[in-house]
Protein backbone atom coordinates (compact mmCIF):
# COMPACT_ATOMS: atom_id res chain seq x y z
CA MET A 1 12.40 -29.88 -17.84
CA ILE A 2 8.87 -28.88 -16.73
CA LYS A 3 10.26 -26.38 -14.20
CA LYS A 4 12.42 -24.84 -16.90
CA ILE A 5 9.41 -24.44 -19.20
CA GLN A 6 7.37 -22.91 -16.36
CA TYR A 7 10.18 -20.45 -15.62
CA TYR A 8 10.39 -19.37 -19.27
CA LEU A 9 6.61 -18.97 -19.44
CA TYR A 10 6.75 -16.85 -16.29
CA LEU A 11 9.46 -14.63 -17.85
CA LEU A 12 7.46 -14.35 -21.03
CA ASN A 13 4.39 -13.22 -19.06
CA VAL A 14 6.45 -10.60 -17.20
CA VAL A 15 7.89 -9.21 -20.47
CA ILE A 16 4.46 -9.16 -22.14
CA PHE A 17 2.85 -7.39 -19.14
CA HIS A 18 5.58 -4.74 -19.16
CA ALA A 19 5.45 -4.24 -22.94
CA LEU A 20 1.67 -3.83 -22.94
CA ASN A 21 1.39 -1.62 -19.86
CA ARG A 22 4.51 0.54 -19.37
CA TRP A 23 3.06 3.44 -21.36
CA ARG A 24 0.07 3.63 -18.98
CA PHE A 25 2.13 4.30 -15.84
CA LYS A 26 4.27 7.23 -14.70
CA SER A 27 6.92 4.53 -14.28
CA LEU A 28 6.79 0.75 -14.25
CA GLY A 29 9.71 -1.40 -13.15
CA LEU A 30 10.77 -3.98 -15.71
CA THR A 31 9.92 -6.98 -13.53
CA ALA A 32 6.80 -5.53 -11.86
CA ARG A 33 3.63 -7.60 -12.08
CA ILE A 34 0.02 -6.68 -11.40
CA ILE A 35 -1.92 -9.93 -11.52
CA ASN A 36 -5.54 -9.76 -12.62
CA PRO A 37 -6.39 -6.40 -10.99
CA LEU A 38 -9.93 -5.54 -9.99
CA ARG A 39 -9.34 -1.93 -11.15
CA LEU A 40 -6.48 0.39 -12.05
CA ASN A 41 -7.51 4.06 -12.06
CA GLY A 42 -5.11 6.94 -12.67
CA THR A 43 -2.13 4.84 -13.72
CA GLN A 44 -0.47 7.98 -15.15
CA PHE A 45 0.07 9.04 -11.50
CA MET A 46 1.52 5.68 -10.37
CA SER A 47 5.17 4.67 -10.02
CA ILE A 48 5.69 0.95 -9.53
CA GLY A 49 9.24 -0.30 -8.82
CA ARG A 50 11.17 -3.37 -9.93
CA ASN A 51 10.17 -6.80 -8.60
CA VAL A 52 6.84 -5.53 -7.26
CA VAL A 53 4.01 -8.06 -7.24
CA VAL A 54 0.43 -6.88 -6.81
CA GLN A 55 -1.69 -9.98 -6.32
CA LYS A 56 -5.17 -10.70 -7.66
CA TYR A 57 -8.23 -8.48 -7.44
CA SER A 58 -6.50 -5.42 -6.02
CA TRP A 59 -7.70 -1.90 -6.77
CA LEU A 60 -5.09 0.83 -7.22
CA PHE A 61 -6.55 4.34 -7.51
CA ALA A 62 -4.79 7.69 -7.95
CA GLY A 63 -7.30 10.46 -8.53
CA LYS A 64 -7.09 14.22 -8.96
CA PHE A 65 -9.67 15.83 -6.66
CA ASP A 66 -8.06 19.26 -6.14
CA ASP A 67 -4.99 21.27 -7.25
CA HIS A 68 -2.55 18.55 -6.15
CA GLU A 69 -1.30 16.01 -8.65
CA PRO A 70 -1.70 12.64 -6.94
CA GLU A 71 1.20 10.24 -6.44
CA LEU A 72 0.91 6.55 -5.73
CA ILE A 73 4.41 5.09 -5.31
CA ILE A 74 5.18 1.45 -4.64
CA GLU A 75 8.93 0.95 -4.42
CA SER A 76 10.99 -2.07 -5.43
CA GLY A 77 10.51 -5.52 -3.94
CA CYS A 78 7.01 -5.02 -2.49
CA ALA A 79 4.49 -7.84 -2.31
CA ILE A 80 0.92 -6.54 -2.22
CA GLY A 81 -1.68 -9.16 -1.25
CA ASP A 82 -4.98 -10.15 -2.84
CA PHE A 83 -7.94 -7.74 -2.63
CA ASN A 84 -5.83 -4.75 -1.49
CA HIS A 85 -7.35 -1.29 -2.04
CA ILE A 86 -4.84 1.57 -2.27
CA VAL A 87 -6.09 5.12 -2.86
CA ALA A 88 -4.12 8.36 -3.32
CA ILE A 89 -5.54 11.82 -3.92
CA HIS A 90 -2.31 13.53 -2.77
CA LYS A 91 0.38 11.00 -1.88
CA VAL A 92 0.72 7.39 -0.83
CA HIS A 93 4.32 6.17 -0.70
CA ILE A 94 5.06 2.52 0.04
CA GLY A 95 8.77 1.91 0.67
CA LYS A 96 10.96 -0.97 -0.45
CA ASN A 97 10.23 -4.61 0.45
CA VAL A 98 6.90 -3.90 2.12
CA LEU A 99 4.60 -6.90 2.53
CA THR A 100 0.84 -6.57 2.80
CA ALA A 101 -1.51 -9.44 3.57
CA ASN A 102 -4.89 -9.81 1.88
CA ARG A 103 -7.67 -7.22 2.09
CA VAL A 104 -5.50 -4.31 3.25
CA TYR A 105 -6.84 -0.76 2.75
CA ILE A 106 -4.41 2.17 2.41
CA SER A 107 -5.67 5.70 1.77
CA ASP A 108 -4.68 9.33 2.24
CA ASN A 109 -8.31 10.53 2.33
CA VAL A 110 -11.71 10.08 3.94
CA HIS A 111 -15.28 10.50 2.74
CA ASN A 112 -16.95 13.79 3.64
CA TYR A 113 -20.07 13.58 5.83
CA ASP A 114 -20.61 17.19 6.96
CA ASP A 115 -23.91 17.80 5.15
CA ILE A 116 -26.55 15.60 6.77
CA GLN A 117 -29.02 16.45 3.97
CA THR A 118 -26.79 14.92 1.28
CA PRO A 119 -25.96 11.23 0.99
CA ILE A 120 -22.33 10.63 1.95
CA MET A 121 -21.64 9.05 -1.43
CA HIS A 122 -22.42 12.44 -3.06
CA GLN A 123 -20.24 14.58 -0.74
CA GLY A 124 -16.84 13.70 -2.15
CA VAL A 125 -13.63 13.05 -0.27
CA SER A 126 -11.12 15.13 1.72
CA PHE A 127 -7.39 14.72 2.09
CA LYS A 128 -6.54 13.43 5.57
CA GLY A 129 -2.75 13.18 5.43
CA GLU A 130 0.10 11.79 3.37
CA VAL A 131 0.65 8.09 3.81
CA SER A 132 4.14 6.63 3.92
CA ILE A 133 5.01 3.08 4.83
CA GLY A 134 8.66 2.48 5.67
CA ASP A 135 10.96 -0.09 4.10
CA GLY A 136 10.56 -3.66 5.30
CA THR A 137 7.21 -3.20 7.03
CA TRP A 138 4.57 -5.93 7.18
CA ILE A 139 0.86 -5.06 7.26
CA GLY A 140 -1.48 -7.82 8.44
CA GLU A 141 -4.76 -9.09 7.05
CA ASN A 142 -7.72 -6.64 6.91
CA ALA A 143 -5.65 -3.75 8.30
CA CYS A 144 -6.45 -0.14 7.33
CA VAL A 145 -3.95 2.71 7.07
CA ILE A 146 -5.68 6.07 6.72
CA GLY A 147 -3.71 9.32 6.48
CA ALA A 148 -0.83 8.10 8.66
CA LYS A 149 2.88 7.35 8.45
CA ILE A 150 4.37 4.00 9.45
CA GLY A 151 8.10 3.67 10.09
CA LYS A 152 10.47 1.07 8.72
CA ASN A 153 10.50 -2.60 9.75
CA CYS A 154 7.18 -2.33 11.58
CA VAL A 155 4.53 -4.99 12.06
CA ILE A 156 0.90 -3.88 11.83
CA GLY A 157 -1.41 -6.54 13.24
CA ALA A 158 -4.41 -8.07 11.50
CA ASN A 159 -7.55 -5.89 11.60
CA ALA A 160 -5.63 -2.86 12.93
CA VAL A 161 -6.77 0.63 11.97
CA VAL A 162 -3.80 2.99 11.73
CA THR A 163 -4.85 6.66 11.90
CA ASN A 164 -1.83 8.03 13.79
CA ASP A 165 1.87 7.78 12.96
CA ILE A 166 3.81 4.68 14.06
CA PRO A 167 7.61 5.06 14.64
CA ASP A 168 10.31 2.78 13.18
CA TYR A 169 10.74 -0.75 14.58
CA CYS A 170 7.35 -1.06 16.26
CA VAL A 171 4.53 -3.59 16.50
CA ALA A 172 1.10 -1.95 16.49
CA VAL A 173 -2.32 -3.58 16.91
CA GLY A 174 -5.92 -2.64 17.58
CA ILE A 175 -8.54 -0.06 16.69
CA PRO A 176 -7.17 2.55 16.73
CA ALA A 177 -3.74 0.97 16.37
CA ARG A 178 -1.36 1.45 19.29
CA VAL A 179 2.24 0.37 19.75
CA ILE A 180 2.61 -2.74 21.92
CA LYS A 181 6.28 -3.57 21.20
CA ARG A 182 9.43 -1.70 20.19
CA PHE A 183 12.80 -2.98 19.10
CA SER A 184 15.45 -1.83 21.58
CA LYS A 185 18.81 -0.93 20.09
CA ASP A 186 20.34 -1.38 23.54
CA THR A 187 19.17 -4.95 24.19
CA GLN A 188 18.76 -5.92 20.51
CA GLN A 189 15.35 -7.42 21.35
CA TRP A 190 11.68 -6.64 20.91
CA GLU A 191 10.35 -5.26 24.17
CA LYS A 192 6.78 -4.80 25.33
CA VAL A 193 5.54 -1.25 25.71
CA LYS A 194 3.75 -0.51 28.98
CA VAL A 195 0.29 0.86 28.42
């Protein structure tokens, strides 16, 4: 009986969240949940799919810094961990069923630092490159993805910094992240990559 009540309360919370927030977003999947966010900036540029869960204290930011209209897309079935920070000034596209651990940073831009006479915080940001994360990928704790594309069904290790593209079916670790394993279609196994 208690489990049934908890389930109905959960459904009620999902419906209330959607009813109160759907008008704020470009699109918001019916069963999407953003639990106690730290900040949500530029929700009119965000598309959140069905069955997406964004855990506590995450910051989603889509900001217009130039002529491009920003897009922050999180497709269906994603689970975004606690304290994630996702920033789009052009485009960040997270595919279906992507899992991120806690404290993951994903951004398509970097802070400017060209003028040594001006504090970096006053120099603005520059677009680095579109970010796309392929379906089924897992991004480990404290990892950063900055202006790079990650293929589908990849594993990005904890604390990795991804600044270059990672192909499909790869395991990448380190700073900067490098591929250490690939799934072989021939052997149907994960194989180490020689460095």
